[in-house]
Structures are given as structure tokens and as C-alpha cells.
Amino acid sequence: MWLNSARITDQAIEEYRRQLSASVPRHVVIDDLFNADKLTEIVAILRQPQRWKVQRHTYAALYVDDDRWEGTRPKNRFVSREAWQREAGGADANVAQAFLSFLRSPEFMSVLSRIFAVALSDANVADPEINTNYFRIDSNGFV
């Protein structure tokens, strides 16, 4: 439903791998990977500014307010990002949420794994002290 099947054939994957090997730094751009109609619908939903909320975390605390963020020395700030807020019951929000979930699904991880020739998953490290929420490659590495 989400992917353009012509872009994930074995032949297409081999071409992406050739492009990846030939590029410096290593990267690949895949045009039309996603179903264009669905992607247009999702982009329209995700562009709505009222659906985004700023989240700020310091090394000392998660979800700090503006005052605490401003009072924290820059080197002690961890991240400031906007997170998409799904509105309960909205059909359009459900479509966008389904797509965002797909991006972390085993199906999409499998496509990425085929392109990059590594086994990717969305598994988190069990120890919260070292859990970075990056995609896991194996027990010793992260992307």
C-alpha cells in the first residue's frame, strides 16, 4: 500500500546497491519509492502546524518547559524537536499515523536491510541508560 512496488524489485535493489557503492559519502536517493497519491495525502496532513508540539529534553530531565530549557546551559541541552501530535478520532490523522508506523515496520526495515545489506530492526536496547532509539544493526552497532 505504501511502497511503489516497481521501486523495490530485486533489480531495483541491485541498482541502489551499485549507486551506494559508487557514492562518496555513501548514500542513495530513491525517487518515487512511496505511492505518490498516499504520500501527497500524508504530506498535506503532516504540514498542518497545529499538529506539531515542541519537545525539549536536557541531560538531566525529559520534557522540560520553556523556562527550564532557557535556564539550562547549552552544553547540558540534549534535544529540542517538534513531535507530531495525532488528534484522537481523526481519519486523516490515522492515515498519517499508519504511514509513520510503517516507516518503523518489519516490512520497511526489510527493504532498507536489502538495500544496505545489513539486518535492521526497530529493537531498542534493553538498558535505558544506553538506549539511543537508533536502528539496531546487531548487538554491537547502530545506524
C-alpha atoms as a PDB file:
ATOM      1  CA  MET A   1       0.000   0.000   0.000  1.00  0.00           C
ATOM      2  CA  TRP A   2       2.758   2.475   0.889  1.00  0.00           C
ATOM      3  CA  LEU A   3       5.561   1.423  -1.411  1.00  0.00           C
ATOM      4  CA  ASN A   4       5.789   1.729  -5.169  1.00  0.00           C
ATOM      5  CA  SER A   5       6.361  -1.952  -5.985  1.00  0.00           C
ATOM      6  CA  ALA A   6       8.356  -1.105  -9.131  1.00  0.00           C
ATOM      7  CA  ARG A   7      10.973   0.536  -6.890  1.00  0.00           C
ATOM      8  CA  ILE A   8      11.601  -2.491  -4.662  1.00  0.00           C
ATOM      9  CA  THR A   9      12.189  -5.258  -7.195  1.00  0.00           C
ATOM     10  CA  ASP A  10      15.372  -7.303  -6.939  1.00  0.00           C
ATOM     11  CA  GLN A  11      16.722  -5.468  -9.986  1.00  0.00           C
ATOM     12  CA  ALA A  12      15.953  -2.059  -8.437  1.00  0.00           C
ATOM     13  CA  ILE A  13      17.587  -3.052  -5.142  1.00  0.00           C
ATOM     14  CA  GLU A  14      20.732  -4.142  -7.005  1.00  0.00           C
ATOM     15  CA  GLU A  15      20.838  -0.771  -8.773  1.00  0.00           C
ATOM     16  CA  TYR A  16      20.519   1.075  -5.428  1.00  0.00           C
ATOM     17  CA  ARG A  17      23.385  -1.015  -4.068  1.00  0.00           C
ATOM     18  CA  ARG A  18      25.542  -0.095  -7.091  1.00  0.00           C
ATOM     19  CA  GLN A  19      24.713   3.592  -6.574  1.00  0.00           C
ATOM     20  CA  LEU A  20      25.503   3.277  -2.882  1.00  0.00           C
ATOM     21  CA  SER A  21      28.890   1.700  -3.600  1.00  0.00           C
ATOM     22  CA  ALA A  22      29.776   4.411  -6.115  1.00  0.00           C
ATOM     23  CA  SER A  23      28.806   7.415  -3.989  1.00  0.00           C
ATOM     24  CA  VAL A  24      31.006   9.362  -1.580  1.00  0.00           C
ATOM     25  CA  PRO A  25      29.855   9.753   1.086  1.00  0.00           C
ATOM     26  CA  ARG A  26      27.841   6.552   0.810  1.00  0.00           C
ATOM     27  CA  HIS A  27      24.198   7.402   0.134  1.00  0.00           C
ATOM     28  CA  VAL A  28      21.372   6.621  -2.239  1.00  0.00           C
ATOM     29  CA  VAL A  29      18.398   8.699  -3.393  1.00  0.00           C
ATOM     30  CA  ILE A  30      15.313   6.724  -4.370  1.00  0.00           C
ATOM     31  CA  ASP A  31      12.740   8.749  -6.260  1.00  0.00           C
ATOM     32  CA  ASP A  32       9.138   7.516  -6.213  1.00  0.00           C
ATOM     33  CA  LEU A  33       9.757   4.922  -3.506  1.00  0.00           C
ATOM     34  CA  PHE A  34       6.388   5.621  -1.918  1.00  0.00           C
ATOM     35  CA  ASN A  35       2.934   5.557  -3.506  1.00  0.00           C
ATOM     36  CA  ALA A  36       2.605   9.134  -4.807  1.00  0.00           C
ATOM     37  CA  ASP A  37      -1.116   9.552  -4.058  1.00  0.00           C
ATOM     38  CA  LYS A  38      -0.746   8.316  -0.480  1.00  0.00           C
ATOM     39  CA  LEU A  39       2.377  10.390   0.063  1.00  0.00           C
ATOM     40  CA  THR A  40       0.637  13.555  -1.160  1.00  0.00           C
ATOM     41  CA  GLU A  41      -2.217  12.890   1.271  1.00  0.00           C
ATOM     42  CA  ILE A  42       0.169  12.304   4.168  1.00  0.00           C
ATOM     43  CA  VAL A  43       2.290  15.376   3.441  1.00  0.00           C
ATOM     44  CA  ALA A  44      -0.850  17.545   3.489  1.00  0.00           C
ATOM     45  CA  ILE A  45      -1.724  16.167   6.928  1.00  0.00           C
ATOM     46  CA  LEU A  46       1.788  16.457   8.346  1.00  0.00           C
ATOM     47  CA  ARG A  47       2.156  20.051   7.135  1.00  0.00           C
ATOM     48  CA  GLN A  48      -0.592  21.270   9.468  1.00  0.00           C
ATOM     49  CA  PRO A  49       1.303  23.339  12.072  1.00  0.00           C
ATOM     50  CA  GLN A  50      -1.288  22.824  14.823  1.00  0.00           C
ATOM     51  CA  ARG A  51      -0.412  19.120  14.859  1.00  0.00           C
ATOM     52  CA  TRP A  52       3.182  19.716  15.980  1.00  0.00           C
ATOM     53  CA  LYS A  53       4.407  20.327  19.518  1.00  0.00           C
ATOM     54  CA  VAL A  54       7.920  21.202  20.653  1.00  0.00           C
ATOM     55  CA  GLN A  55       9.575  18.656  22.923  1.00  0.00           C
ATOM     56  CA  ARG A  56      12.723  19.575  24.787  1.00  0.00           C
ATOM     57  CA  HIS A  57      14.962  17.297  26.776  1.00  0.00           C
ATOM     58  CA  THR A  58      18.039  18.116  28.816  1.00  0.00           C
ATOM     59  CA  TYR A  59      20.567  15.586  30.003  1.00  0.00           C
ATOM     60  CA  ALA A  60      19.009  15.945  33.460  1.00  0.00           C
ATOM     61  CA  ALA A  61      15.302  15.730  32.569  1.00  0.00           C
ATOM     62  CA  LEU A  62      12.876  14.823  29.813  1.00  0.00           C
ATOM     63  CA  TYR A  63      10.070  17.117  28.576  1.00  0.00           C
ATOM     64  CA  VAL A  64      11.276  20.336  30.158  1.00  0.00           C
ATOM     65  CA  ASP A  65       9.242  23.538  29.853  1.00  0.00           C
ATOM     66  CA  ASP A  66      10.471  26.714  28.151  1.00  0.00           C
ATOM     67  CA  ASP A  67      11.734  28.288  31.391  1.00  0.00           C
ATOM     68  CA  ARG A  68      13.800  25.262  32.347  1.00  0.00           C
ATOM     69  CA  TRP A  69      15.132  24.944  28.782  1.00  0.00           C
ATOM     70  CA  GLU A  70      16.216  28.582  28.705  1.00  0.00           C
ATOM     71  CA  GLY A  71      17.774  28.209  32.161  1.00  0.00           C
ATOM     72  CA  THR A  72      19.831  25.199  31.083  1.00  0.00           C
ATOM     73  CA  ARG A  73      23.344  25.789  29.782  1.00  0.00           C
ATOM     74  CA  PRO A  74      23.544  24.933  26.061  1.00  0.00           C
ATOM     75  CA  LYS A  75      26.041  22.115  26.626  1.00  0.00           C
ATOM     76  CA  ASN A  76      23.531  20.462  29.004  1.00  0.00           C
ATOM     77  CA  ARG A  77      20.669  20.545  26.496  1.00  0.00           C
ATOM     78  CA  PHE A  78      20.053  17.222  24.820  1.00  0.00           C
ATOM     79  CA  VAL A  79      17.449  17.876  22.110  1.00  0.00           C
ATOM     80  CA  SER A  80      14.723  20.266  21.029  1.00  0.00           C
ATOM     81  CA  ARG A  81      12.429  18.836  18.387  1.00  0.00           C
ATOM     82  CA  GLU A  82       8.918  19.076  17.098  1.00  0.00           C
ATOM     83  CA  ALA A  83       6.836  15.949  17.534  1.00  0.00           C
ATOM     84  CA  TRP A  84       3.691  15.269  15.554  1.00  0.00           C
ATOM     85  CA  GLN A  85       0.560  15.039  17.693  1.00  0.00           C
ATOM     86  CA  ARG A  86      -2.118  12.681  16.443  1.00  0.00           C
ATOM     87  CA  GLU A  87      -5.589  14.008  17.061  1.00  0.00           C
ATOM     88  CA  ALA A  88      -7.906  11.373  18.518  1.00  0.00           C
ATOM     89  CA  GLY A  89     -10.530  10.088  16.137  1.00  0.00           C
ATOM     90  CA  GLY A  90      -9.396  11.929  13.032  1.00  0.00           C
ATOM     91  CA  ALA A  91      -9.427   9.676   9.974  1.00  0.00           C
ATOM     92  CA  ASP A  92      -6.721  11.733   8.296  1.00  0.00           C
ATOM     93  CA  ALA A  93      -4.542  11.515  11.387  1.00  0.00           C
ATOM     94  CA  ASN A  94      -4.942   7.744  11.321  1.00  0.00           C
ATOM     95  CA  VAL A  95      -3.611   7.635   7.747  1.00  0.00           C
ATOM     96  CA  ALA A  96      -0.583   9.709   8.717  1.00  0.00           C
ATOM     97  CA  GLN A  97      -0.011   7.655  11.868  1.00  0.00           C
ATOM     98  CA  ALA A  98      -0.230   4.454   9.839  1.00  0.00           C
ATOM     99  CA  PHE A  99       2.465   5.753   7.482  1.00  0.00           C
ATOM    100  CA  LEU A 100       4.724   6.855  10.336  1.00  0.00           C
ATOM    101  CA  SER A 101       4.275   3.404  11.885  1.00  0.00           C
ATOM    102  CA  PHE A 102       5.062   1.784   8.534  1.00  0.00           C
ATOM    103  CA  LEU A 103       8.434   3.559   8.496  1.00  0.00           C
ATOM    104  CA  ARG A 104       9.384   1.529  11.599  1.00  0.00           C
ATOM    105  CA  SER A 105       7.684  -1.688  10.465  1.00  0.00           C
ATOM    106  CA  PRO A 106       9.402  -5.003   9.729  1.00  0.00           C
ATOM    107  CA  GLU A 107       8.324  -4.630   6.070  1.00  0.00           C
ATOM    108  CA  PHE A 108      10.120  -1.306   5.606  1.00  0.00           C
ATOM    109  CA  MET A 109      13.099  -2.412   7.719  1.00  0.00           C
ATOM    110  CA  SER A 110      13.377  -5.369   5.341  1.00  0.00           C
ATOM    111  CA  VAL A 111      13.576  -3.050   2.309  1.00  0.00           C
ATOM    112  CA  LEU A 112      16.274  -0.962   3.996  1.00  0.00           C
ATOM    113  CA  SER A 113      18.101  -4.124   5.041  1.00  0.00           C
ATOM    114  CA  ARG A 114      18.127  -5.338   1.428  1.00  0.00           C
ATOM    115  CA  ILE A 115      19.489  -2.023   0.155  1.00  0.00           C
ATOM    116  CA  PHE A 116      22.213  -1.637   2.779  1.00  0.00           C
ATOM    117  CA  ALA A 117      22.987  -5.361   3.187  1.00  0.00           C
ATOM    118  CA  VAL A 118      22.587  -5.261   6.960  1.00  0.00           C
ATOM    119  CA  ALA A 119      19.841  -6.651   9.162  1.00  0.00           C
ATOM    120  CA  LEU A 120      17.940  -3.677  10.570  1.00  0.00           C
ATOM    121  CA  SER A 121      15.177  -3.774  13.135  1.00  0.00           C
ATOM    122  CA  ASP A 122      13.396  -1.308  15.362  1.00  0.00           C
ATOM    123  CA  ALA A 123      14.519  -3.067  18.516  1.00  0.00           C
ATOM    124  CA  ASN A 124      15.571  -0.924  21.432  1.00  0.00           C
ATOM    125  CA  VAL A 125      18.434  -1.740  23.734  1.00  0.00           C
ATOM    126  CA  ALA A 126      17.082  -3.153  26.986  1.00  0.00           C
ATOM    127  CA  ASP A 127      19.190  -0.882  29.193  1.00  0.00           C
ATOM    128  CA  PRO A 128      17.549   2.592  29.221  1.00  0.00           C
ATOM    129  CA  GLU A 129      20.883   4.186  30.105  1.00  0.00           C
ATOM    130  CA  ILE A 130      22.291   3.301  26.701  1.00  0.00           C
ATOM    131  CA  ASN A 131      19.094   3.100  24.625  1.00  0.00           C
ATOM    132  CA  THR A 132      19.555   5.617  21.831  1.00  0.00           C
ATOM    133  CA  ASN A 133      16.498   4.549  19.780  1.00  0.00           C
ATOM    134  CA  TYR A 134      18.657   4.301  16.679  1.00  0.00           C
ATOM    135  CA  PHE A 135      18.021   1.445  14.307  1.00  0.00           C
ATOM    136  CA  ARG A 136      19.774  -1.630  15.563  1.00  0.00           C
ATOM    137  CA  ILE A 137      22.195  -3.453  13.281  1.00  0.00           C
ATOM    138  CA  ASP A 138      23.487  -6.101  15.634  1.00  0.00           C
ATOM    139  CA  SER A 139      24.414  -6.379  19.288  1.00  0.00           C
ATOM    140  CA  ASN A 140      27.384  -4.040  18.828  1.00  0.00           C
ATOM    141  CA  GLY A 141      26.330  -1.415  16.329  1.00  0.00           C
ATOM    142  CA  PHE A 142      23.801   1.225  15.409  1.00  0.00           C
ATOM    143  CA  VAL A 143      22.934   3.233  12.298  1.00  0.00           C
END
